[in-house]
């Protein structure tokens, strides 16, 4: 029965999401002409980093995000994890590759991104997604210190939140 309830809930989300306007963002991460927002999801979780040797010195390297995705009413609708991949409870999934970024309005937060969809699986809201924006980020940046040879391969989780706007070709 939970699935049936979720299905009707998703039906509401789709109708509601079509009324969501794209966020006000710099030109570098604008959605492409002919695309419309099909889903707005709020992410809350962690950016996972590992201490790894670099060309000159050790530094924190992003391993993966690990976050819950919630709709505008605060209901968990999916997850965000390595890939980067977004997967919804409706079974649809999209994996992307960042194509542009701009600094966050908050200097202590991870950048805002434009992500191009690379692969899809399942059938649902994410099936036709072509572009994803990560905006309104808070937190998620690795520490400036604490990564040296004695911490090789140490992993840390840094809390973050962000809004993800999912775009598909306009109907």
N, C-alpha and C. Protein backbone atom coordinates (compact mmCIF):
# COMPACT_ATOMS: atom_id res chain seq x y z
N UNK A 1 0.82 -1.19 0.00
CA UNK A 1 0.00 0.00 0.00
C UNK A 1 0.86 1.25 0.00
N UNK A 2 2.03 1.20 0.65
CA UNK A 2 2.91 2.37 0.68
C UNK A 2 3.30 2.81 -0.72
N UNK A 3 3.54 1.84 -1.60
CA UNK A 3 3.92 2.18 -2.96
C UNK A 3 2.81 2.92 -3.69
N UNK A 4 1.57 2.47 -3.51
CA UNK A 4 0.43 3.13 -4.14
C UNK A 4 0.31 4.56 -3.64
N UNK A 5 0.46 4.73 -2.33
CA UNK A 5 0.39 6.07 -1.77
C UNK A 5 1.50 6.94 -2.34
N UNK A 6 2.71 6.36 -2.44
CA UNK A 6 3.84 7.11 -2.98
C UNK A 6 3.58 7.49 -4.43
N UNK A 7 3.01 6.55 -5.19
CA UNK A 7 2.71 6.84 -6.60
C UNK A 7 1.79 8.02 -6.75
N UNK A 8 0.74 8.07 -5.94
CA UNK A 8 -0.17 9.20 -6.04
C UNK A 8 0.52 10.46 -5.53
N UNK A 9 1.39 10.28 -4.54
CA UNK A 9 2.15 11.42 -4.05
C UNK A 9 3.07 11.96 -5.14
N UNK A 10 3.73 11.05 -5.86
CA UNK A 10 4.58 11.50 -6.96
C UNK A 10 3.76 12.21 -8.02
N UNK A 11 2.56 11.74 -8.26
CA UNK A 11 1.71 12.42 -9.22
C UNK A 11 1.49 13.87 -8.81
N UNK A 12 1.33 14.09 -7.51
CA UNK A 12 1.18 15.45 -7.00
C UNK A 12 2.47 16.23 -7.21
N UNK A 13 3.61 15.57 -6.93
CA UNK A 13 4.90 16.24 -7.08
C UNK A 13 5.13 16.67 -8.52
N UNK A 14 4.80 15.81 -9.47
CA UNK A 14 5.00 16.14 -10.87
C UNK A 14 4.18 17.38 -11.23
N UNK A 15 2.90 17.38 -10.84
CA UNK A 15 2.04 18.51 -11.15
C UNK A 15 2.59 19.77 -10.48
N UNK A 16 3.04 19.63 -9.24
CA UNK A 16 3.54 20.78 -8.51
C UNK A 16 4.88 21.24 -9.08
N UNK A 17 5.76 20.28 -9.44
CA UNK A 17 7.09 20.62 -9.93
C UNK A 17 7.03 21.43 -11.21
N UNK A 18 6.02 21.23 -12.03
CA UNK A 18 5.93 21.97 -13.27
C UNK A 18 5.75 23.47 -13.01
N UNK A 19 5.34 23.83 -11.80
CA UNK A 19 5.16 25.23 -11.45
C UNK A 19 6.42 25.82 -10.83
N UNK A 20 7.44 25.00 -10.62
CA UNK A 20 8.68 25.48 -10.02
C UNK A 20 9.47 26.25 -11.06
N UNK A 21 9.83 27.47 -10.71
CA UNK A 21 10.65 28.28 -11.61
C UNK A 21 12.12 27.94 -11.42
N UNK A 22 12.90 28.05 -12.47
CA UNK A 22 14.34 27.82 -12.33
C UNK A 22 14.92 28.84 -11.34
N UNK A 23 15.98 28.47 -10.65
CA UNK A 23 16.59 29.42 -9.71
C UNK A 23 17.34 30.52 -10.45
N UNK A 24 17.55 31.62 -9.76
CA UNK A 24 18.33 32.72 -10.31
C UNK A 24 19.81 32.36 -10.11
N UNK A 25 20.49 32.06 -11.21
CA UNK A 25 21.89 31.61 -11.15
C UNK A 25 22.74 32.35 -12.17
N UNK A 26 24.07 32.38 -11.96
CA UNK A 26 24.97 32.97 -12.95
C UNK A 26 24.85 32.25 -14.30
N UNK A 27 25.18 32.95 -15.37
CA UNK A 27 25.07 32.41 -16.73
C UNK A 27 25.80 31.08 -16.91
N UNK A 28 26.94 30.92 -16.23
CA UNK A 28 27.77 29.71 -16.42
C UNK A 28 27.03 28.42 -16.08
N UNK A 29 26.03 28.50 -15.20
CA UNK A 29 25.33 27.27 -14.81
C UNK A 29 23.82 27.36 -15.14
N UNK A 30 23.46 28.19 -16.09
CA UNK A 30 22.07 28.28 -16.53
C UNK A 30 21.64 26.98 -17.20
N UNK A 31 20.39 26.61 -17.01
CA UNK A 31 19.83 25.48 -17.76
C UNK A 31 19.77 25.89 -19.23
N UNK A 32 19.72 24.90 -20.09
CA UNK A 32 19.72 25.17 -21.52
C UNK A 32 18.33 25.58 -22.00
N UNK A 33 18.28 26.36 -23.07
CA UNK A 33 16.97 26.70 -23.65
C UNK A 33 16.21 25.43 -24.03
N UNK A 34 14.91 25.45 -23.83
CA UNK A 34 14.09 24.29 -24.18
C UNK A 34 13.97 23.27 -23.07
N UNK A 35 14.57 23.54 -21.91
CA UNK A 35 14.45 22.65 -20.77
C UNK A 35 13.55 23.28 -19.72
N UNK A 36 12.84 22.42 -18.96
CA UNK A 36 12.01 22.91 -17.87
C UNK A 36 12.27 22.09 -16.61
N UNK A 37 12.02 22.69 -15.46
CA UNK A 37 12.19 22.00 -14.19
C UNK A 37 11.14 20.91 -14.08
N UNK A 38 11.58 19.67 -13.82
CA UNK A 38 10.64 18.57 -13.59
C UNK A 38 10.65 18.12 -12.13
N UNK A 39 11.67 18.55 -11.38
CA UNK A 39 11.74 18.19 -9.97
C UNK A 39 12.69 19.13 -9.26
N UNK A 40 12.30 19.56 -8.06
CA UNK A 40 13.17 20.28 -7.15
C UNK A 40 13.29 19.41 -5.91
N UNK A 41 14.53 19.05 -5.55
CA UNK A 41 14.75 18.22 -4.37
C UNK A 41 15.78 18.91 -3.48
N UNK A 42 15.53 18.85 -2.17
CA UNK A 42 16.46 19.39 -1.19
C UNK A 42 17.30 18.23 -0.65
N UNK A 43 18.62 18.39 -0.71
CA UNK A 43 19.52 17.35 -0.23
C UNK A 43 20.08 17.74 1.13
N UNK A 44 20.18 16.74 1.99
CA UNK A 44 20.77 16.93 3.31
C UNK A 44 21.61 15.68 3.60
N UNK A 45 22.90 15.90 3.86
CA UNK A 45 23.76 14.75 4.09
C UNK A 45 25.20 15.18 4.27
N UNK A 46 26.10 14.43 3.63
CA UNK A 46 27.53 14.67 3.77
C UNK A 46 28.25 14.61 2.43
N UNK A 47 29.34 15.35 2.37
CA UNK A 47 30.32 15.18 1.31
C UNK A 47 31.45 14.39 1.97
N UNK A 48 31.82 13.27 1.38
CA UNK A 48 32.84 12.40 1.97
C UNK A 48 34.18 12.65 1.26
N UNK A 49 35.21 12.93 2.05
CA UNK A 49 36.54 13.19 1.52
C UNK A 49 37.54 12.20 2.10
N UNK A 50 38.60 11.93 1.33
CA UNK A 50 39.70 11.09 1.80
C UNK A 50 40.99 11.88 1.69
N UNK A 51 41.86 11.67 2.64
CA UNK A 51 43.18 12.31 2.63
C UNK A 51 44.08 11.51 1.69
N UNK A 52 44.50 12.17 0.62
CA UNK A 52 45.30 11.47 -0.41
C UNK A 52 46.50 12.33 -0.82
N UNK A 53 47.56 11.67 -1.28
CA UNK A 53 48.71 12.44 -1.77
C UNK A 53 48.37 13.12 -3.10
N UNK A 54 48.83 14.34 -3.23
CA UNK A 54 48.64 15.08 -4.48
C UNK A 54 49.96 15.27 -5.17
N UNK A 55 49.98 16.12 -6.21
CA UNK A 55 51.20 16.37 -6.97
C UNK A 55 52.28 17.01 -6.10
N UNK A 56 51.87 17.87 -5.18
CA UNK A 56 52.83 18.58 -4.34
C UNK A 56 52.74 18.16 -2.88
N UNK A 57 51.50 18.01 -2.38
CA UNK A 57 51.32 17.66 -0.98
C UNK A 57 50.02 16.88 -0.81
N UNK A 58 49.78 16.39 0.39
CA UNK A 58 48.53 15.70 0.68
C UNK A 58 47.37 16.70 0.68
N UNK A 59 46.19 16.20 0.32
CA UNK A 59 45.01 17.06 0.34
C UNK A 59 43.74 16.23 0.40
N UNK A 60 42.64 16.88 0.77
CA UNK A 60 41.34 16.20 0.83
C UNK A 60 40.77 16.06 -0.56
N UNK A 61 40.43 14.83 -0.95
CA UNK A 61 39.87 14.51 -2.26
C UNK A 61 38.44 14.01 -2.08
N UNK A 62 37.52 14.54 -2.88
CA UNK A 62 36.13 14.11 -2.79
C UNK A 62 36.02 12.64 -3.17
N UNK A 63 35.37 11.86 -2.31
CA UNK A 63 35.09 10.45 -2.58
C UNK A 63 33.68 10.32 -3.15
N UNK A 64 32.70 10.91 -2.44
CA UNK A 64 31.31 10.80 -2.87
C UNK A 64 30.41 11.64 -1.99
N UNK A 65 29.25 12.02 -2.53
CA UNK A 65 28.23 12.59 -1.66
C UNK A 65 27.41 11.45 -1.05
N UNK A 66 26.74 11.74 0.02
CA UNK A 66 25.85 10.77 0.66
C UNK A 66 24.72 11.59 1.29
N UNK A 67 23.57 11.64 0.61
CA UNK A 67 22.51 12.53 1.08
C UNK A 67 21.12 11.98 0.80
N UNK A 68 20.17 12.41 1.62
CA UNK A 68 18.76 12.14 1.38
C UNK A 68 18.22 13.26 0.50
N UNK A 69 17.30 12.91 -0.38
CA UNK A 69 16.60 13.90 -1.19
C UNK A 69 15.18 14.03 -0.66
N UNK A 70 14.75 15.27 -0.44
CA UNK A 70 13.40 15.50 0.08
C UNK A 70 12.64 16.43 -0.86
N UNK A 71 11.32 16.24 -0.90
CA UNK A 71 10.48 17.14 -1.69
C UNK A 71 10.23 18.41 -0.89
N UNK A 72 9.41 19.29 -1.46
CA UNK A 72 9.18 20.59 -0.83
C UNK A 72 8.35 20.47 0.46
N UNK A 73 7.75 19.33 0.71
CA UNK A 73 7.01 19.12 1.95
C UNK A 73 7.86 18.42 3.01
N UNK A 74 9.11 18.11 2.68
CA UNK A 74 10.02 17.47 3.62
C UNK A 74 9.98 15.95 3.62
N UNK A 75 9.29 15.35 2.68
CA UNK A 75 9.22 13.90 2.58
C UNK A 75 10.44 13.36 1.84
N UNK A 76 11.04 12.28 2.35
CA UNK A 76 12.18 11.67 1.67
C UNK A 76 11.69 11.00 0.39
N UNK A 77 12.28 11.41 -0.74
CA UNK A 77 11.87 10.87 -2.04
C UNK A 77 12.99 10.10 -2.73
N UNK A 78 14.20 10.13 -2.17
CA UNK A 78 15.30 9.43 -2.81
C UNK A 78 16.62 9.70 -2.13
N UNK A 79 17.70 9.39 -2.87
CA UNK A 79 19.04 9.56 -2.32
C UNK A 79 20.01 10.02 -3.39
N UNK A 80 21.14 10.56 -2.92
CA UNK A 80 22.21 11.06 -3.79
C UNK A 80 23.50 10.42 -3.29
N UNK A 81 24.26 9.83 -4.22
CA UNK A 81 25.46 9.09 -3.83
C UNK A 81 26.48 9.12 -4.95
N UNK A 82 27.55 8.33 -4.80
CA UNK A 82 28.67 8.33 -5.75
C UNK A 82 28.20 8.19 -7.18
N UNK A 83 28.90 8.85 -8.05
CA UNK A 83 28.58 8.82 -9.48
C UNK A 83 28.96 10.14 -10.15
N UNK A 84 28.38 11.27 -9.80
CA UNK A 84 27.27 11.46 -8.86
C UNK A 84 25.96 10.89 -9.43
N UNK A 85 25.20 10.26 -8.54
CA UNK A 85 23.95 9.62 -8.93
C UNK A 85 22.83 10.09 -8.01
N UNK A 86 21.66 10.25 -8.60
CA UNK A 86 20.45 10.57 -7.85
C UNK A 86 19.46 9.45 -8.15
N UNK A 87 18.87 8.87 -7.09
CA UNK A 87 17.92 7.78 -7.27
C UNK A 87 16.66 8.09 -6.46
N UNK A 88 15.51 7.98 -7.13
CA UNK A 88 14.24 8.24 -6.46
C UNK A 88 13.56 6.94 -6.06
N UNK A 89 12.65 7.05 -5.11
CA UNK A 89 11.89 5.88 -4.67
C UNK A 89 10.99 5.33 -5.77
N UNK A 90 10.74 6.11 -6.83
CA UNK A 90 9.93 5.60 -7.95
C UNK A 90 10.73 4.64 -8.84
N UNK A 91 12.04 4.44 -8.52
CA UNK A 91 12.87 3.52 -9.28
C UNK A 91 13.72 4.17 -10.36
N UNK A 92 13.49 5.45 -10.62
CA UNK A 92 14.29 6.12 -11.64
C UNK A 92 15.60 6.62 -11.05
N UNK A 93 16.61 6.68 -11.91
CA UNK A 93 17.96 7.04 -11.49
C UNK A 93 18.66 7.77 -12.62
N UNK A 94 19.47 8.77 -12.26
CA UNK A 94 20.28 9.48 -13.25
C UNK A 94 21.67 9.68 -12.66
N UNK A 95 22.68 9.46 -13.51
CA UNK A 95 24.07 9.72 -13.15
C UNK A 95 24.56 10.82 -14.07
N UNK A 96 25.35 11.73 -13.52
CA UNK A 96 25.78 12.87 -14.31
C UNK A 96 27.25 13.17 -14.20
N UNK A 97 27.64 14.19 -14.95
CA UNK A 97 29.02 14.68 -14.94
C UNK A 97 28.96 16.20 -14.92
N UNK A 98 29.67 16.80 -13.96
CA UNK A 98 29.67 18.25 -13.85
C UNK A 98 30.24 18.88 -15.12
N UNK A 99 29.55 19.90 -15.63
CA UNK A 99 30.02 20.57 -16.84
C UNK A 99 30.40 22.02 -16.58
N UNK A 100 29.95 22.58 -15.44
CA UNK A 100 30.31 23.96 -15.09
C UNK A 100 30.08 24.16 -13.60
N UNK A 101 30.79 25.12 -13.03
CA UNK A 101 30.58 25.45 -11.63
C UNK A 101 30.84 26.93 -11.39
N UNK A 102 30.24 27.42 -10.32
CA UNK A 102 30.50 28.78 -9.84
C UNK A 102 30.62 28.69 -8.33
N UNK A 103 31.36 29.63 -7.74
CA UNK A 103 31.49 29.64 -6.29
C UNK A 103 30.13 29.85 -5.65
N UNK A 104 29.92 29.22 -4.52
CA UNK A 104 28.70 29.42 -3.75
C UNK A 104 28.64 30.86 -3.25
N UNK A 105 27.44 31.34 -3.00
CA UNK A 105 27.29 32.66 -2.39
C UNK A 105 27.85 32.65 -0.97
N UNK A 106 27.94 31.47 -0.37
CA UNK A 106 28.51 31.28 0.96
C UNK A 106 29.95 30.77 0.76
N UNK A 107 30.96 31.57 1.11
CA UNK A 107 32.35 31.16 0.85
C UNK A 107 32.77 29.90 1.58
N UNK A 108 32.02 29.47 2.60
CA UNK A 108 32.36 28.26 3.34
C UNK A 108 31.62 27.04 2.81
N UNK A 109 31.03 27.16 1.62
CA UNK A 109 30.23 26.07 1.05
C UNK A 109 30.75 25.61 -0.29
N UNK A 110 30.39 24.35 -0.63
CA UNK A 110 30.80 23.78 -1.92
C UNK A 110 30.17 24.58 -3.07
N UNK A 111 30.79 24.53 -4.25
CA UNK A 111 30.32 25.32 -5.38
C UNK A 111 28.93 24.89 -5.88
N UNK A 112 28.32 25.79 -6.61
CA UNK A 112 27.09 25.50 -7.35
C UNK A 112 27.53 24.84 -8.65
N UNK A 113 26.74 23.89 -9.14
CA UNK A 113 27.13 23.12 -10.32
C UNK A 113 26.04 23.07 -11.39
N UNK A 114 26.47 22.86 -12.60
CA UNK A 114 25.62 22.43 -13.70
C UNK A 114 26.14 21.04 -14.06
N UNK A 115 25.23 20.06 -14.04
CA UNK A 115 25.60 18.67 -14.28
C UNK A 115 24.82 18.16 -15.49
N UNK A 116 25.51 17.53 -16.42
CA UNK A 116 24.87 16.91 -17.59
C UNK A 116 24.58 15.45 -17.28
N UNK A 117 23.37 15.01 -17.58
CA UNK A 117 23.02 13.60 -17.40
C UNK A 117 23.84 12.75 -18.36
N UNK A 118 24.37 11.63 -17.84
CA UNK A 118 25.19 10.73 -18.64
C UNK A 118 24.46 9.40 -18.85
N UNK A 119 23.89 8.85 -17.77
CA UNK A 119 23.15 7.59 -17.89
C UNK A 119 21.87 7.66 -17.07
N UNK A 120 20.91 6.84 -17.47
CA UNK A 120 19.63 6.72 -16.77
C UNK A 120 19.33 5.25 -16.55
N UNK A 121 18.54 4.96 -15.51
CA UNK A 121 17.98 3.62 -15.35
C UNK A 121 16.64 3.76 -14.65
N UNK A 122 15.82 2.73 -14.81
CA UNK A 122 14.49 2.76 -14.23
C UNK A 122 13.57 3.70 -14.99
N UNK A 123 12.30 3.72 -14.58
CA UNK A 123 11.32 4.58 -15.21
C UNK A 123 10.65 5.40 -14.13
N UNK A 124 10.64 6.72 -14.32
CA UNK A 124 10.03 7.62 -13.34
C UNK A 124 10.40 9.05 -13.64
N UNK A 125 10.40 9.88 -12.60
CA UNK A 125 10.64 11.32 -12.77
C UNK A 125 12.00 11.65 -13.38
N UNK A 126 13.01 10.82 -13.13
CA UNK A 126 14.36 11.13 -13.61
C UNK A 126 14.66 10.55 -14.99
N UNK A 127 13.73 9.83 -15.57
CA UNK A 127 13.96 9.13 -16.84
C UNK A 127 14.43 10.04 -17.96
N UNK A 128 13.84 11.22 -18.07
CA UNK A 128 14.16 12.12 -19.20
C UNK A 128 15.02 13.31 -18.79
N UNK A 129 15.55 13.29 -17.57
CA UNK A 129 16.36 14.40 -17.09
C UNK A 129 17.62 14.54 -17.94
N UNK A 130 17.90 15.78 -18.36
CA UNK A 130 19.07 16.06 -19.19
C UNK A 130 20.11 16.89 -18.45
N UNK A 131 19.65 17.70 -17.49
CA UNK A 131 20.52 18.63 -16.78
C UNK A 131 20.09 18.72 -15.32
N UNK A 132 21.07 18.91 -14.45
CA UNK A 132 20.81 19.08 -13.03
C UNK A 132 21.62 20.28 -12.56
N UNK A 133 21.00 21.11 -11.72
CA UNK A 133 21.73 22.21 -11.08
C UNK A 133 21.81 21.93 -9.59
N UNK A 134 23.00 22.15 -9.01
CA UNK A 134 23.16 22.14 -7.55
C UNK A 134 23.34 23.59 -7.13
N UNK A 135 22.41 24.10 -6.33
CA UNK A 135 22.44 25.49 -5.90
C UNK A 135 22.12 25.60 -4.41
N UNK A 136 22.23 26.82 -3.89
CA UNK A 136 21.89 27.12 -2.49
C UNK A 136 22.62 26.18 -1.53
N UNK A 137 23.91 25.96 -1.79
CA UNK A 137 24.70 25.05 -0.98
C UNK A 137 25.07 25.68 0.36
N UNK A 138 25.11 24.83 1.38
CA UNK A 138 25.58 25.24 2.71
C UNK A 138 26.46 24.12 3.24
N UNK A 139 27.73 24.47 3.55
CA UNK A 139 28.67 23.48 4.07
C UNK A 139 29.24 22.60 2.98
N UNK A 140 29.82 21.47 3.41
CA UNK A 140 30.34 20.49 2.46
C UNK A 140 31.77 20.64 2.05
N UNK A 141 32.42 21.77 2.40
CA UNK A 141 33.81 21.96 2.00
C UNK A 141 34.74 21.19 2.94
N UNK A 142 35.81 20.61 2.39
CA UNK A 142 36.76 19.91 3.26
C UNK A 142 37.52 20.93 4.11
N UNK A 143 38.07 20.49 5.23
CA UNK A 143 38.86 21.42 6.05
C UNK A 143 40.13 21.84 5.31
N UNK A 144 40.63 22.99 5.66
CA UNK A 144 41.85 23.50 5.03
C UNK A 144 43.08 22.76 5.53
N UNK A 145 42.98 22.11 6.69
CA UNK A 145 44.13 21.44 7.29
C UNK A 145 43.75 20.04 7.71
N UNK A 146 44.71 19.33 8.32
CA UNK A 146 44.43 18.02 8.88
C UNK A 146 44.68 16.85 7.96
N UNK A 147 45.20 17.14 6.78
CA UNK A 147 45.50 16.06 5.84
C UNK A 147 46.99 16.07 5.56
N UNK A 148 47.67 15.06 6.07
CA UNK A 148 49.11 14.91 5.84
C UNK A 148 49.42 13.42 5.77
N UNK A 149 50.68 13.09 5.62
CA UNK A 149 51.07 11.69 5.45
C UNK A 149 50.57 10.79 6.59
N UNK A 150 50.50 11.33 7.79
CA UNK A 150 50.04 10.52 8.93
C UNK A 150 48.54 10.24 8.87
N UNK A 151 47.80 10.93 8.00
CA UNK A 151 46.35 10.72 7.85
C UNK A 151 45.99 10.10 6.50
N UNK A 152 46.99 9.52 5.82
CA UNK A 152 46.78 8.93 4.50
C UNK A 152 45.56 8.01 4.50
N UNK A 153 44.64 8.21 3.55
CA UNK A 153 43.41 7.43 3.37
C UNK A 153 42.36 7.60 4.47
N UNK A 154 42.58 8.52 5.40
CA UNK A 154 41.55 8.83 6.40
C UNK A 154 40.37 9.46 5.67
N UNK A 155 39.15 9.03 6.02
CA UNK A 155 37.95 9.62 5.42
C UNK A 155 37.23 10.47 6.45
N UNK A 156 36.66 11.58 5.98
CA UNK A 156 35.85 12.44 6.83
C UNK A 156 34.54 12.74 6.11
N UNK A 157 33.50 12.98 6.90
CA UNK A 157 32.21 13.37 6.35
C UNK A 157 31.91 14.79 6.78
N UNK A 158 31.67 15.65 5.81
CA UNK A 158 31.37 17.05 6.08
C UNK A 158 29.90 17.31 5.75
N UNK A 159 29.11 17.72 6.73
CA UNK A 159 27.68 17.96 6.49
C UNK A 159 27.46 19.04 5.43
N UNK A 160 26.41 18.85 4.61
CA UNK A 160 26.04 19.85 3.62
C UNK A 160 24.55 19.76 3.33
N UNK A 161 24.04 20.86 2.79
CA UNK A 161 22.70 20.88 2.23
C UNK A 161 22.78 21.59 0.89
N UNK A 162 21.85 21.27 0.01
CA UNK A 162 21.80 21.91 -1.31
C UNK A 162 20.43 21.68 -1.91
N UNK A 163 20.09 22.49 -2.88
CA UNK A 163 18.89 22.27 -3.68
C UNK A 163 19.33 21.76 -5.04
N UNK A 164 18.65 20.70 -5.51
CA UNK A 164 18.92 20.16 -6.85
C UNK A 164 17.70 20.40 -7.72
N UNK A 165 17.92 21.06 -8.84
CA UNK A 165 16.88 21.28 -9.84
C UNK A 165 17.14 20.33 -10.98
N UNK A 166 16.16 19.52 -11.30
CA UNK A 166 16.27 18.53 -12.38
C UNK A 166 15.49 19.04 -13.58
N UNK A 167 16.13 19.05 -14.76
CA UNK A 167 15.53 19.57 -15.99
C UNK A 167 15.36 18.46 -17.03
N UNK A 168 14.31 18.58 -17.82
CA UNK A 168 14.07 17.69 -18.96
C UNK A 168 13.57 18.57 -20.10
N UNK A 169 13.58 18.05 -21.33
CA UNK A 169 13.06 18.84 -22.45
C UNK A 169 11.62 19.28 -22.18
N UNK A 170 11.34 20.55 -22.48
CA UNK A 170 9.99 21.07 -22.30
C UNK A 170 9.01 20.34 -23.21
N UNK A 171 7.82 20.13 -22.71
CA UNK A 171 6.80 19.41 -23.49
C UNK A 171 6.10 20.33 -24.45
